[in-house]
Amino acid sequence: MSSSEHKPLVSVVMAAYNSAEFIGPGLDSLFAQDWNDFETIVVDDGSSDNTADVAESYEGVRCIRQENSGPAAARNAGIAAARGDFVANFDSDDLLPPTRLRLQATYLLDNPECGCVFGRQEWLT
């Protein structure tokens, strides 16, 4: 089955604006997940740097380019394009632990009464 025919369980949506410096390590951490039933949607929110080019250099990333409208509009555009049953928001300057998608998706599957899950954050400087 081709990736265009497969409906992913999780849609990972990343809003990005002038994030060329950070987006690569973030996407590397996403593609290092121990869970593979996900699609990746990056919404470039009118960046003046090469954020979208960096995102598009990753196989499997669907990049949507739009005029600058702010992070909420970018996230909403990504969610509108999502095909998964679950949506995971992911900021362009974040790094993900390799277990994030598996732990969150399996928790939601095992607890259908739960509407959302969050993870603990650590600030890196």
PDB file of N, CA and C in Angstrom:
ATOM      1  N   MET A   1       0.850  -1.181   0.000  1.00  0.00           N
ATOM      2  CA  MET A   1       0.000   0.000   0.000  1.00  0.00           C
ATOM      3  C   MET A   1       0.894   1.241   0.000  1.00  0.00           C
ATOM      4  N   SER A   2       0.626   2.170  -0.855  1.00  0.00           N
ATOM      5  CA  SER A   2       1.434   3.388  -0.909  1.00  0.00           C
ATOM      6  C   SER A   2       1.070   4.300   0.261  1.00  0.00           C
ATOM      7  N   SER A   3       1.987   5.211   0.578  1.00  0.00           N
ATOM      8  CA  SER A   3       1.729   6.115   1.703  1.00  0.00           C
ATOM      9  C   SER A   3       0.513   6.996   1.445  1.00  0.00           C
ATOM     10  N   SER A   4       0.186   7.253   0.178  1.00  0.00           N
ATOM     11  CA  SER A   4      -0.982   8.081  -0.110  1.00  0.00           C
ATOM     12  C   SER A   4      -2.283   7.327   0.142  1.00  0.00           C
ATOM     13  N   GLU A   5      -2.226   5.969   0.162  1.00  0.00           N
ATOM     14  CA  GLU A   5      -3.427   5.172   0.424  1.00  0.00           C
ATOM     15  C   GLU A   5      -3.603   4.870   1.901  1.00  0.00           C
ATOM     16  N   HIS A   6      -2.529   4.932   2.662  1.00  0.00           N
ATOM     17  CA  HIS A   6      -2.560   4.606   4.081  1.00  0.00           C
ATOM     18  C   HIS A   6      -3.061   5.794   4.893  1.00  0.00           C
ATOM     19  N   LYS A   7      -4.061   5.543   5.719  1.00  0.00           N
ATOM     20  CA  LYS A   7      -4.544   6.586   6.633  1.00  0.00           C
ATOM     21  C   LYS A   7      -3.785   6.424   7.946  1.00  0.00           C
ATOM     22  N   PRO A   8      -2.964   7.408   8.299  1.00  0.00           N
ATOM     23  CA  PRO A   8      -2.172   7.286   9.525  1.00  0.00           C
ATOM     24  C   PRO A   8      -3.045   7.427  10.767  1.00  0.00           C
ATOM     25  N   LEU A   9      -2.592   6.834  11.848  1.00  0.00           N
ATOM     26  CA  LEU A   9      -3.305   6.996  13.111  1.00  0.00           C
ATOM     27  C   LEU A   9      -3.067   8.398  13.675  1.00  0.00           C
ATOM     28  N   VAL A  10      -1.847   8.907  13.536  1.00  0.00           N
ATOM     29  CA  VAL A  10      -1.478  10.196  14.125  1.00  0.00           C
ATOM     30  C   VAL A  10      -1.021  11.151  13.020  1.00  0.00           C
ATOM     31  N   SER A  11      -1.530  12.359  13.053  1.00  0.00           N
ATOM     32  CA  SER A  11      -1.043  13.438  12.196  1.00  0.00           C
ATOM     33  C   SER A  11      -0.243  14.384  13.071  1.00  0.00           C
ATOM     34  N   VAL A  12       1.028  14.527  12.759  1.00  0.00           N
ATOM     35  CA  VAL A  12       1.887  15.450  13.492  1.00  0.00           C
ATOM     36  C   VAL A  12       1.899  16.767  12.734  1.00  0.00           C
ATOM     37  N   VAL A  13       1.453  17.827  13.393  1.00  0.00           N
ATOM     38  CA  VAL A  13       1.315  19.135  12.763  1.00  0.00           C
ATOM     39  C   VAL A  13       2.327  20.091  13.382  1.00  0.00           C
ATOM     40  N   MET A  14       3.153  20.665  12.518  1.00  0.00           N
ATOM     41  CA  MET A  14       4.162  21.618  12.963  1.00  0.00           C
ATOM     42  C   MET A  14       3.929  22.958  12.273  1.00  0.00           C
ATOM     43  N   ALA A  15       3.668  23.987  13.062  1.00  0.00           N
ATOM     44  CA  ALA A  15       3.621  25.352  12.550  1.00  0.00           C
ATOM     45  C   ALA A  15       5.042  25.900  12.611  1.00  0.00           C
ATOM     46  N   ALA A  16       5.489  26.520  11.528  1.00  0.00           N
ATOM     47  CA  ALA A  16       6.877  26.991  11.482  1.00  0.00           C
ATOM     48  C   ALA A  16       6.948  28.386  10.875  1.00  0.00           C
ATOM     49  N   TYR A  17       7.761  29.232  11.495  1.00  0.00           N
ATOM     50  CA  TYR A  17       7.994  30.573  10.971  1.00  0.00           C
ATOM     51  C   TYR A  17       9.457  30.925  11.220  1.00  0.00           C
ATOM     52  N   ASN A  18      10.197  31.153  10.135  1.00  0.00           N
ATOM     53  CA  ASN A  18      11.621  31.482  10.217  1.00  0.00           C
ATOM     54  C   ASN A  18      12.365  30.537  11.161  1.00  0.00           C
ATOM     55  N   SER A  19      12.180  29.262  10.911  1.00  0.00           N
ATOM     56  CA  SER A  19      12.705  28.214  11.791  1.00  0.00           C
ATOM     57  C   SER A  19      13.789  27.370  11.139  1.00  0.00           C
ATOM     58  N   ALA A  20      14.393  27.848  10.063  1.00  0.00           N
ATOM     59  CA  ALA A  20      15.365  27.033   9.332  1.00  0.00           C
ATOM     60  C   ALA A  20      16.476  26.505  10.235  1.00  0.00           C
ATOM     61  N   GLU A  21      16.870  27.282  11.222  1.00  0.00           N
ATOM     62  CA  GLU A  21      17.954  26.881  12.120  1.00  0.00           C
ATOM     63  C   GLU A  21      17.570  25.714  13.025  1.00  0.00           C
ATOM     64  N   PHE A  22      16.286  25.600  13.368  1.00  0.00           N
ATOM     65  CA  PHE A  22      15.847  24.627  14.364  1.00  0.00           C
ATOM     66  C   PHE A  22      15.056  23.452  13.802  1.00  0.00           C
ATOM     67  N   ILE A  23      14.451  23.617  12.655  1.00  0.00           N
ATOM     68  CA  ILE A  23      13.488  22.632  12.178  1.00  0.00           C
ATOM     69  C   ILE A  23      14.134  21.272  11.865  1.00  0.00           C
ATOM     70  N   GLY A  24      15.373  21.278  11.389  1.00  0.00           N
ATOM     71  CA  GLY A  24      16.050  20.018  11.070  1.00  0.00           C
ATOM     72  C   GLY A  24      16.198  19.110  12.280  1.00  0.00           C
ATOM     73  N   PRO A  25      16.793  19.580  13.368  1.00  0.00           N
ATOM     74  CA  PRO A  25      16.885  18.725  14.556  1.00  0.00           C
ATOM     75  C   PRO A  25      15.512  18.289  15.084  1.00  0.00           C
ATOM     76  N   GLY A  26      14.526  19.178  14.979  1.00  0.00           N
ATOM     77  CA  GLY A  26      13.184  18.803  15.410  1.00  0.00           C
ATOM     78  C   GLY A  26      12.622  17.668  14.574  1.00  0.00           C
ATOM     79  N   LEU A  27      12.734  17.786  13.249  1.00  0.00           N
ATOM     80  CA  LEU A  27      12.246  16.717  12.377  1.00  0.00           C
ATOM     81  C   LEU A  27      13.056  15.440  12.564  1.00  0.00           C
ATOM     82  N   ASP A  28      14.368  15.562  12.799  1.00  0.00           N
ATOM     83  CA  ASP A  28      15.171  14.368  13.086  1.00  0.00           C
ATOM     84  C   ASP A  28      14.625  13.630  14.303  1.00  0.00           C
ATOM     85  N   SER A  29      14.249  14.377  15.346  1.00  0.00           N
ATOM     86  CA  SER A  29      13.712  13.730  16.554  1.00  0.00           C
ATOM     87  C   SER A  29      12.348  13.103  16.284  1.00  0.00           C
ATOM     88  N   LEU A  30      11.574  13.705  15.396  1.00  0.00           N
ATOM     89  CA  LEU A  30      10.284  13.119  15.035  1.00  0.00           C
ATOM     90  C   LEU A  30      10.484  11.795  14.300  1.00  0.00           C
ATOM     91  N   PHE A  31      11.400  11.782  13.348  1.00  0.00           N
ATOM     92  CA  PHE A  31      11.610  10.563  12.562  1.00  0.00           C
ATOM     93  C   PHE A  31      12.406   9.503  13.315  1.00  0.00           C
ATOM     94  N   ALA A  32      12.820   9.793  14.542  1.00  0.00           N
ATOM     95  CA  ALA A  32      13.470   8.802  15.395  1.00  0.00           C
ATOM     96  C   ALA A  32      12.474   8.145  16.352  1.00  0.00           C
ATOM     97  N   GLN A  33      11.193   8.375  16.154  1.00  0.00           N
ATOM     98  CA  GLN A  33      10.165   7.799  17.025  1.00  0.00           C
ATOM     99  C   GLN A  33      10.164   6.274  16.948  1.00  0.00           C
ATOM    100  N   ASP A  34       9.786   5.635  18.042  1.00  0.00           N
ATOM    101  CA  ASP A  34       9.638   4.178  18.034  1.00  0.00           C
ATOM    102  C   ASP A  34       8.215   3.767  17.633  1.00  0.00           C
ATOM    103  N   TRP A  35       7.500   4.684  17.028  1.00  0.00           N
ATOM    104  CA  TRP A  35       6.132   4.495  16.534  1.00  0.00           C
ATOM    105  C   TRP A  35       6.131   5.026  15.110  1.00  0.00           C
ATOM    106  N   ASN A  36       5.611   4.283  14.155  1.00  0.00           N
ATOM    107  CA  ASN A  36       5.724   4.744  12.775  1.00  0.00           C
ATOM    108  C   ASN A  36       4.396   5.002  12.082  1.00  0.00           C
ATOM    109  N   ASP A  37       3.294   4.924  12.793  1.00  0.00           N
ATOM    110  CA  ASP A  37       1.989   5.132  12.159  1.00  0.00           C
ATOM    111  C   ASP A  37       1.587   6.605  12.253  1.00  0.00           C
ATOM    112  N   PHE A  38       2.363   7.462  11.556  1.00  0.00           N
ATOM    113  CA  PHE A  38       2.078   8.889  11.603  1.00  0.00           C
ATOM    114  C   PHE A  38       2.425   9.536  10.267  1.00  0.00           C
ATOM    115  N   GLU A  39       1.798  10.679  10.040  1.00  0.00           N
ATOM    116  CA  GLU A  39       2.142  11.541   8.917  1.00  0.00           C
ATOM    117  C   GLU A  39       2.673  12.842   9.490  1.00  0.00           C
ATOM    118  N   THR A  40       3.434  13.561   8.679  1.00  0.00           N
ATOM    119  CA  THR A  40       4.038  14.811   9.126  1.00  0.00           C
ATOM    120  C   THR A  40       3.587  15.948   8.219  1.00  0.00           C
ATOM    121  N   ILE A  41       3.001  16.965   8.821  1.00  0.00           N
ATOM    122  CA  ILE A  41       2.547  18.143   8.090  1.00  0.00           C
ATOM    123  C   ILE A  41       3.241  19.363   8.689  1.00  0.00           C
ATOM    124  N   VAL A  42       4.031  20.043   7.875  1.00  0.00           N
ATOM    125  CA  VAL A  42       4.677  21.288   8.293  1.00  0.00           C
ATOM    126  C   VAL A  42       3.966  22.423   7.567  1.00  0.00           C
ATOM    127  N   VAL A  43       3.531  23.411   8.322  1.00  0.00           N
ATOM    128  CA  VAL A  43       2.914  24.592   7.724  1.00  0.00           C
ATOM    129  C   VAL A  43       3.895  25.740   7.882  1.00  0.00           C
ATOM    130  N   ASP A  44       4.477  26.146   6.757  1.00  0.00           N
ATOM    131  CA  ASP A  44       5.382  27.287   6.754  1.00  0.00           C
ATOM    132  C   ASP A  44       4.528  28.550   6.689  1.00  0.00           C
ATOM    133  N   ASP A  45       4.601  29.327   7.747  1.00  0.00           N
ATOM    134  CA  ASP A  45       3.735  30.497   7.908  1.00  0.00           C
ATOM    135  C   ASP A  45       4.401  31.763   7.372  1.00  0.00           C
ATOM    136  N   GLY A  46       4.749  31.735   6.082  1.00  0.00           N
ATOM    137  CA  GLY A  46       5.287  32.921   5.434  1.00  0.00           C
ATOM    138  C   GLY A  46       6.709  33.259   5.824  1.00  0.00           C
ATOM    139  N   SER A  47       7.522  32.253   6.076  1.00  0.00           N
ATOM    140  CA  SER A  47       8.908  32.497   6.476  1.00  0.00           C
ATOM    141  C   SER A  47       9.687  33.250   5.409  1.00  0.00           C
ATOM    142  N   SER A  48      10.635  34.078   5.863  1.00  0.00           N
ATOM    143  CA  SER A  48      11.519  34.771   4.932  1.00  0.00           C
ATOM    144  C   SER A  48      12.862  34.048   4.807  1.00  0.00           C
ATOM    145  N   ASP A  49      13.059  32.980   5.568  1.00  0.00           N
ATOM    146  CA  ASP A  49      14.261  32.161   5.424  1.00  0.00           C
ATOM    147  C   ASP A  49      13.885  30.877   4.668  1.00  0.00           C
ATOM    148  N   ASN A  50      14.725  29.874   4.702  1.00  0.00           N
ATOM    149  CA  ASN A  50      14.461  28.652   3.931  1.00  0.00           C
ATOM    150  C   ASN A  50      13.828  27.544   4.768  1.00  0.00           C
ATOM    151  N   THR A  51      12.983  27.905   5.701  1.00  0.00           N
ATOM    152  CA  THR A  51      12.300  26.927   6.541  1.00  0.00           C
ATOM    153  C   THR A  51      11.587  25.868   5.703  1.00  0.00           C
ATOM    154  N   ALA A  52      10.790  26.278   4.731  1.00  0.00           N
ATOM    155  CA  ALA A  52      10.037  25.322   3.921  1.00  0.00           C
ATOM    156  C   ALA A  52      10.961  24.416   3.122  1.00  0.00           C
ATOM    157  N   ASP A  53      12.052  24.951   2.607  1.00  0.00           N
ATOM    158  CA  ASP A  53      13.004  24.128   1.855  1.00  0.00           C
ATOM    159  C   ASP A  53      13.609  23.047   2.735  1.00  0.00           C
ATOM    160  N   VAL A  54      13.958  23.400   3.961  1.00  0.00           N
ATOM    161  CA  VAL A  54      14.505  22.409   4.892  1.00  0.00           C
ATOM    162  C   VAL A  54      13.456  21.339   5.162  1.00  0.00           C
ATOM    163  N   ALA A  55      12.225  21.745   5.452  1.00  0.00           N
ATOM    164  CA  ALA A  55      11.154  20.779   5.725  1.00  0.00           C
ATOM    165  C   ALA A  55      10.938  19.855   4.533  1.00  0.00           C
ATOM    166  N   GLU A  56      10.909  20.424   3.334  1.00  0.00           N
ATOM    167  CA  GLU A  56      10.653  19.621   2.137  1.00  0.00           C
ATOM    168  C   GLU A  56      11.814  18.696   1.792  1.00  0.00           C
ATOM    169  N   SER A  57      12.983  18.908   2.376  1.00  0.00           N
ATOM    170  CA  SER A  57      14.115  18.023   2.117  1.00  0.00           C
ATOM    171  C   SER A  57      13.969  16.691   2.852  1.00  0.00           C
ATOM    172  N   TYR A  58      13.006  16.591   3.756  1.00  0.00           N
ATOM    173  CA  TYR A  58      12.751  15.358   4.497  1.00  0.00           C
ATOM    174  C   TYR A  58      11.691  14.539   3.770  1.00  0.00           C
ATOM    175  N   GLU A  59      12.042  13.295   3.484  1.00  0.00           N
ATOM    176  CA  GLU A  59      11.077  12.403   2.843  1.00  0.00           C
ATOM    177  C   GLU A  59       9.892  12.179   3.778  1.00  0.00           C
ATOM    178  N   GLY A  60       8.719  12.259   3.230  1.00  0.00           N
ATOM    179  CA  GLY A  60       7.520  12.013   4.010  1.00  0.00           C
ATOM    180  C   GLY A  60       6.914  13.244   4.651  1.00  0.00           C
ATOM    181  N   VAL A  61       7.544  14.402   4.493  1.00  0.00           N
ATOM    182  CA  VAL A  61       6.977  15.635   5.046  1.00  0.00           C
ATOM    183  C   VAL A  61       6.095  16.285   3.991  1.00  0.00           C
ATOM    184  N   ARG A  62       4.877  16.572   4.383  1.00  0.00           N
ATOM    185  CA  ARG A  62       3.985  17.360   3.532  1.00  0.00           C
ATOM    186  C   ARG A  62       4.086  18.797   4.023  1.00  0.00           C
ATOM    187  N   CYS A  63       4.537  19.679   3.164  1.00  0.00           N
ATOM    188  CA  CYS A  63       4.744  21.073   3.551  1.00  0.00           C
ATOM    189  C   CYS A  63       3.702  21.949   2.876  1.00  0.00           C
ATOM    190  N   ILE A  64       3.023  22.723   3.692  1.00  0.00           N
ATOM    191  CA  ILE A  64       2.030  23.678   3.214  1.00  0.00           C
ATOM    192  C   ILE A  64       2.632  25.064   3.413  1.00  0.00           C
ATOM    193  N   ARG A  65       2.653  25.849   2.354  1.00  0.00           N
ATOM    194  CA  ARG A  65       3.163  27.220   2.455  1.00  0.00           C
ATOM    195  C   ARG A  65       1.977  28.180   2.446  1.00  0.00           C
ATOM    196  N   GLN A  66       1.993  29.119   3.374  1.00  0.00           N
ATOM    197  CA  GLN A  66       0.930  30.124   3.414  1.00  0.00           C
ATOM    198  C   GLN A  66       1.538  31.467   3.777  1.00  0.00           C
ATOM    199  N   GLU A  67       0.783  32.523   3.499  1.00  0.00           N
ATOM    200  CA  GLU A  67       1.213  33.854   3.926  1.00  0.00           C
ATOM    201  C   GLU A  67       1.188  33.902   5.442  1.00  0.00           C
ATOM    202  N   ASN A  68       2.034  34.756   6.001  1.00  0.00           N
ATOM    203  CA  ASN A  68       2.117  34.854   7.449  1.00  0.00           C
ATOM    204  C   ASN A  68       0.773  35.241   8.041  1.00  0.00           C
ATOM    205  N   SER A  69       0.250  34.354   8.873  1.00  0.00           N
ATOM    206  CA  SER A  69      -1.053  34.570   9.522  1.00  0.00           C
ATOM    207  C   SER A  69      -1.002  34.278  11.006  1.00  0.00           C
ATOM    208  N   GLY A  70       0.158  33.887  11.517  1.00  0.00           N
ATOM    209  CA  GLY A  70       0.303  33.586  12.934  1.00  0.00           C
ATOM    210  C   GLY A  70       0.238  32.092  13.213  1.00  0.00           C
ATOM    211  N   PRO A  71       0.742  31.702  14.385  1.00  0.00           N
ATOM    212  CA  PRO A  71       0.836  30.275  14.704  1.00  0.00           C
ATOM    213  C   PRO A  71      -0.510  29.560  14.804  1.00  0.00           C
ATOM    214  N   ALA A  72      -1.527  30.230  15.301  1.00  0.00           N
ATOM    215  CA  ALA A  72      -2.836  29.571  15.406  1.00  0.00           C
ATOM    216  C   ALA A  72      -3.388  29.233  14.022  1.00  0.00           C
ATOM    217  N   ALA A  73      -3.285  30.178  13.091  1.00  0.00           N
ATOM    218  CA  ALA A  73      -3.762  29.931  11.730  1.00  0.00           C
ATOM    219  C   ALA A  73      -2.945  28.832  11.060  1.00  0.00           C
ATOM    220  N   ALA A  74      -1.639  28.803  11.320  1.00  0.00           N
ATOM    221  CA  ALA A  74      -0.798  27.754  10.746  1.00  0.00           C
ATOM    222  C   ALA A  74      -1.186  26.389  11.314  1.00  0.00           C
ATOM    223  N   ARG A  75      -1.397  26.308  12.614  1.00  0.00           N
ATOM    224  CA  ARG A  75      -1.827  25.032  13.214  1.00  0.00           C
ATOM    225  C   ARG A  75      -3.184  24.609  12.662  1.00  0.00           C
ATOM    226  N   ASN A  76      -4.096  25.548  12.532  1.00  0.00           N
ATOM    227  CA  ASN A  76      -5.418  25.219  11.990  1.00  0.00           C
ATOM    228  C   ASN A  76      -5.322  24.719  10.553  1.00  0.00           C
ATOM    229  N   ALA A  77      -4.436  25.301   9.748  1.00  0.00           N
ATOM    230  CA  ALA A  77      -4.246  24.831   8.369  1.00  0.00           C
ATOM    231  C   ALA A  77      -3.704  23.409   8.367  1.00  0.00           C
ATOM    232  N   GLY A  78      -2.786  23.120   9.268  1.00  0.00           N
ATOM    233  CA  GLY A  78      -2.251  21.766   9.371  1.00  0.00           C
ATOM    234  C   GLY A  78      -3.295  20.769   9.815  1.00  0.00           C
ATOM    235  N   ILE A  79      -4.102  21.152  10.779  1.00  0.00           N
ATOM    236  CA  ILE A  79      -5.163  20.265  11.259  1.00  0.00           C
ATOM    237  C   ILE A  79      -6.187  20.021  10.158  1.00  0.00           C
ATOM    238  N   ALA A  80      -6.500  21.048   9.377  1.00  0.00           N
ATOM    239  CA  ALA A  80      -7.448  20.884   8.270  1.00  0.00           C
ATOM    240  C   ALA A  80      -6.919  19.901   7.223  1.00  0.00           C
ATOM    241  N   ALA A  81      -5.618  19.813   7.067  1.00  0.00           N
ATOM    242  CA  ALA A  81      -5.017  18.898   6.088  1.00  0.00           C
ATOM    243  C   ALA A  81      -4.751  17.512   6.661  1.00  0.00           C
ATOM    244  N   ALA A  82      -4.911  17.352   7.967  1.00  0.00           N
ATOM    245  CA  ALA A  82      -4.576  16.096   8.636  1.00  0.00           C
ATOM    246  C   ALA A  82      -5.526  14.968   8.244  1.00  0.00           C
ATOM    247  N   ARG A  83      -4.957  13.765   8.137  1.00  0.00           N
ATOM    248  CA  ARG A  83      -5.752  12.579   7.816  1.00  0.00           C
ATOM    249  C   ARG A  83      -5.834  11.601   8.979  1.00  0.00           C
ATOM    250  N   GLY A  84      -5.084  11.825  10.033  1.00  0.00           N
ATOM    251  CA  GLY A  84      -5.030  10.890  11.153  1.00  0.00           C
ATOM    252  C   GLY A  84      -6.236  10.988  12.065  1.00  0.00           C
ATOM    253  N   ASP A  85      -6.385   9.964  12.887  1.00  0.00           N
ATOM    254  CA  ASP A  85      -7.435   9.968  13.907  1.00  0.00           C
ATOM    255  C   ASP A  85      -7.059  10.883  15.072  1.00  0.00           C
ATOM    256  N   PHE A  86      -5.765  11.005  15.328  1.00  0.00           N
ATOM    257  CA  PHE A  86      -5.256  11.859  16.390  1.00  0.00           C
ATOM    258  C   PHE A  86      -4.352  12.922  15.779  1.00  0.00           C
ATOM    259  N   VAL A  87      -4.267  14.081  16.440  1.00  0.00           N
ATOM    260  CA  VAL A  87      -3.369  15.151  16.010  1.00  0.00           C
ATOM    261  C   VAL A  87      -2.390  15.428  17.144  1.00  0.00           C
ATOM    262  N   ALA A  88      -1.112  15.479  16.783  1.00  0.00           N
ATOM    263  CA  ALA A  88      -0.070  15.837  17.736  1.00  0.00           C
ATOM    264  C   ALA A  88       0.554  17.149  17.273  1.00  0.00           C
ATOM    265  N   ASN A  89       0.453  18.180  18.093  1.00  0.00           N
ATOM    266  CA  ASN A  89       1.109  19.451  17.774  1.00  0.00           C
ATOM    267  C   ASN A  89       2.577  19.365  18.164  1.00  0.00           C
ATOM    268  N   PHE A  90       3.396  20.001  17.361  1.00  0.00           N
ATOM    269  CA  PHE A  90       4.836  19.917  17.543  1.00  0.00           C
ATOM    270  C   PHE A  90       5.420  21.224  17.044  1.00  0.00           C
ATOM    271  N   ASP A  91       6.035  22.003  17.926  1.00  0.00           N
ATOM    272  CA  ASP A  91       6.612  23.283  17.521  1.00  0.00           C
ATOM    273  C   ASP A  91       7.939  23.066  16.802  1.00  0.00           C
ATOM    274  N   SER A  92       8.255  23.974  15.902  1.00  0.00           N
ATOM    275  CA  SER A  92       9.425  23.816  15.037  1.00  0.00           C
ATOM    276  C   SER A  92      10.751  23.912  15.781  1.00  0.00           C
ATOM    277  N   ASP A  93      10.748  24.393  17.006  1.00  0.00           N
ATOM    278  CA  ASP A  93      11.989  24.453  17.781  1.00  0.00           C
ATOM    279  C   ASP A  93      12.000  23.442  18.916  1.00  0.00           C
ATOM    280  N   ASP A  94      11.131  22.435  18.831  1.00  0.00           N
ATOM    281  CA  ASP A  94      11.058  21.388  19.852  1.00  0.00           C
ATOM    282  C   ASP A  94      11.850  20.158  19.428  1.00  0.00           C
ATOM    283  N   LEU A  95      12.216  19.368  20.419  1.00  0.00           N
ATOM    284  CA  LEU A  95      12.781  18.039  20.215  1.00  0.00           C
ATOM    285  C   LEU A  95      11.874  17.057  20.935  1.00  0.00           C
ATOM    286  N   LEU A  96      11.611  15.932  20.308  1.00  0.00           N
ATOM    287  CA  LEU A  96      10.711  14.938  20.891  1.00  0.00           C
ATOM    288  C   LEU A  96      11.487  13.763  21.463  1.00  0.00           C
ATOM    289  N   PRO A  97      11.075  13.260  22.623  1.00  0.00           N
ATOM    290  CA  PRO A  97      11.651  11.997  23.063  1.00  0.00           C
ATOM    291  C   PRO A  97      11.154  10.888  22.119  1.00  0.00           C
ATOM    292  N   PRO A  98      11.932   9.856  21.899  1.00  0.00           N
ATOM    293  CA  PRO A  98      11.579   8.841  20.892  1.00  0.00           C
ATOM    294  C   PRO A  98      10.324   8.030  21.207  1.00  0.00           C
ATOM    295  N   THR A  99       9.801   8.149  22.410  1.00  0.00           N
ATOM    296  CA  THR A  99       8.619   7.380  22.811  1.00  0.00           C
ATOM    297  C   THR A  99       7.329   8.188  22.792  1.00  0.00           C
ATOM    298  N   ARG A 100       7.400   9.477  22.463  1.00  0.00           N
ATOM    299  CA  ARG A 100       6.233  10.358  22.623  1.00  0.00           C
ATOM    300  C   ARG A 100       5.003   9.846  21.888  1.00  0.00           C
ATOM    301  N   LEU A 101       5.107   9.615  20.588  1.00  0.00           N
ATOM    302  CA  LEU A 101       3.911   9.252  19.824  1.00  0.00           C
ATOM    303  C   LEU A 101       3.339   7.913  20.273  1.00  0.00           C
ATOM    304  N   ARG A 102       4.207   6.939  20.517  1.00  0.00           N
ATOM    305  CA  ARG A 102       3.721   5.625  20.949  1.00  0.00           C
ATOM    306  C   ARG A 102       2.987   5.718  22.281  1.00  0.00           C
ATOM    307  N   LEU A 103       3.598   6.382  23.253  1.00  0.00           N
ATOM    308  CA  LEU A 103       2.975   6.469  24.575  1.00  0.00           C
ATOM    309  C   LEU A 103       1.650   7.223  24.529  1.00  0.00           C
ATOM    310  N   GLN A 104       1.625   8.336  23.814  1.00  0.00           N
ATOM    311  CA  GLN A 104       0.398   9.119  23.777  1.00  0.00           C
ATOM    312  C   GLN A 104      -0.693   8.421  22.963  1.00  0.00           C
ATOM    313  N   ALA A 105      -0.341   7.850  21.825  1.00  0.00           N
ATOM    314  CA  ALA A 105      -1.353   7.188  20.986  1.00  0.00           C
ATOM    315  C   ALA A 105      -1.910   5.946  21.671  1.00  0.00           C
ATOM    316  N   THR A 106      -1.045   5.145  22.272  1.00  0.00           N
ATOM    317  CA  THR A 106      -1.555   3.933  22.923  1.00  0.00           C
ATOM    318  C   THR A 106      -2.398   4.286  24.145  1.00  0.00           C
ATOM    319  N   TYR A 107      -2.032   5.360  24.850  1.00  0.00           N
ATOM    320  CA  TYR A 107      -2.869   5.777  25.974  1.00  0.00           C
ATOM    321  C   TYR A 107      -4.263   6.177  25.485  1.00  0.00           C
ATOM    322  N   LEU A 108      -4.315   6.952  24.417  1.00  0.00           N
ATOM    323  CA  LEU A 108      -5.617   7.368  23.884  1.00  0.00           C
ATOM    324  C   LEU A 108      -6.422   6.168  23.378  1.00  0.00           C
ATOM    325  N   LEU A 109      -5.767   5.222  22.754  1.00  0.00           N
ATOM    326  CA  LEU A 109      -6.467   4.023  22.279  1.00  0.00           C
ATOM    327  C   LEU A 109      -7.000   3.193  23.439  1.00  0.00           C
ATOM    328  N   ASP A 110      -6.212   3.093  24.511  1.00  0.00           N
ATOM    329  CA  ASP A 110      -6.612   2.302  25.677  1.00  0.00           C
ATOM    330  C   ASP A 110      -7.619   3.020  26.571  1.00  0.00           C
ATOM    331  N   ASN A 111      -7.762   4.324  26.402  1.00  0.00           N
ATOM    332  CA  ASN A 111      -8.643   5.134  27.257  1.00  0.00           C
ATOM    333  C   ASN A 111      -9.523   6.028  26.388  1.00  0.00           C
ATOM    334  N   PRO A 112     -10.503   5.440  25.685  1.00  0.00           N
ATOM    335  CA  PRO A 112     -11.299   6.227  24.736  1.00  0.00           C
ATOM    336  C   PRO A 112     -12.101   7.361  25.377  1.00  0.00           C
ATOM    337  N   GLU A 113     -12.270   7.338  26.684  1.00  0.00           N
ATOM    338  CA  GLU A 113     -12.978   8.423  27.354  1.00  0.00           C
ATOM    339  C   GLU A 113     -12.100   9.665  27.496  1.00  0.00           C
ATOM    340  N   CYS A 114     -10.807   9.525  27.245  1.00  0.00           N
ATOM    341  CA  CYS A 114      -9.851  10.625  27.370  1.00  0.00           C
ATOM    342  C   CYS A 114      -9.821  11.421  26.069  1.00  0.00           C
ATOM    343  N   GLY A 115      -9.910  12.729  26.171  1.00  0.00           N
ATOM    344  CA  GLY A 115      -9.942  13.581  24.989  1.00  0.00           C
ATOM    345  C   GLY A 115      -8.591  14.071  24.518  1.00  0.00           C
ATOM    346  N   CYS A 116      -7.605  14.142  25.420  1.00  0.00           N
ATOM    347  CA  CYS A 116      -6.281  14.611  25.015  1.00  0.00           C
ATOM    348  C   CYS A 116      -5.253  14.179  26.051  1.00  0.00           C
ATOM    349  N   VAL A 117      -4.019  14.177  25.624  1.00  0.00           N
ATOM    350  CA  VAL A 117      -2.904  13.895  26.531  1.00  0.00           C
ATOM    351  C   VAL A 117      -1.807  14.922  26.271  1.00  0.00           C
ATOM    352  N   PHE A 118      -1.028  15.178  27.295  1.00  0.00           N
ATOM    353  CA  PHE A 118       0.106  16.090  27.195  1.00  0.00           C
ATOM    354  C   PHE A 118       1.328  15.381  27.751  1.00  0.00           C
ATOM    355  N   GLY A 119       2.468  15.914  27.458  1.00  0.00           N
ATOM    356  CA  GLY A 119       3.702  15.373  28.002  1.00  0.00           C
ATOM    357  C   GLY A 119       4.396  16.421  28.847  1.00  0.00           C
ATOM    358  N   ARG A 120       5.324  15.959  29.629  1.00  0.00           N
ATOM    359  CA  ARG A 120       6.127  16.860  30.440  1.00  0.00           C
ATOM    360  C   ARG A 120       7.117  17.574  29.533  1.00  0.00           C
ATOM    361  N   GLN A 121       7.431  18.807  29.848  1.00  0.00           N
ATOM    362  CA  GLN A 121       8.371  19.579  29.029  1.00  0.00           C
ATOM    363  C   GLN A 121       9.632  19.856  29.833  1.00  0.00           C
ATOM    364  N   GLU A 122      10.749  19.875  29.119  1.00  0.00           N
ATOM    365  CA  GLU A 122      12.010  20.305  29.685  1.00  0.00           C
ATOM    366  C   GLU A 122      12.529  21.436  28.834  1.00  0.00           C
ATOM    367  N   TRP A 123      13.006  22.495  29.443  1.00  0.00           N
ATOM    368  CA  TRP A 123      13.563  23.621  28.714  1.00  0.00           C
ATOM    369  C   TRP A 123      15.056  23.401  28.562  1.00  0.00           C
ATOM    370  N   LEU A 124      15.534  23.470  27.328  1.00  0.00           N
ATOM    371  CA  LEU A 124      16.964  23.340  27.043  1.00  0.00           C
ATOM    372  C   LEU A 124      17.494  24.720  26.678  1.00  0.00           C
ATOM    373  N   THR A 125      18.652  25.055  27.190  1.00  0.00           N
ATOM    374  CA  THR A 125      19.240  26.353  26.846  1.00  0.00           C
ATOM    375  C   THR A 125      20.618  26.169  26.263  1.00  0.00           C
TER     376      THR A 125
END
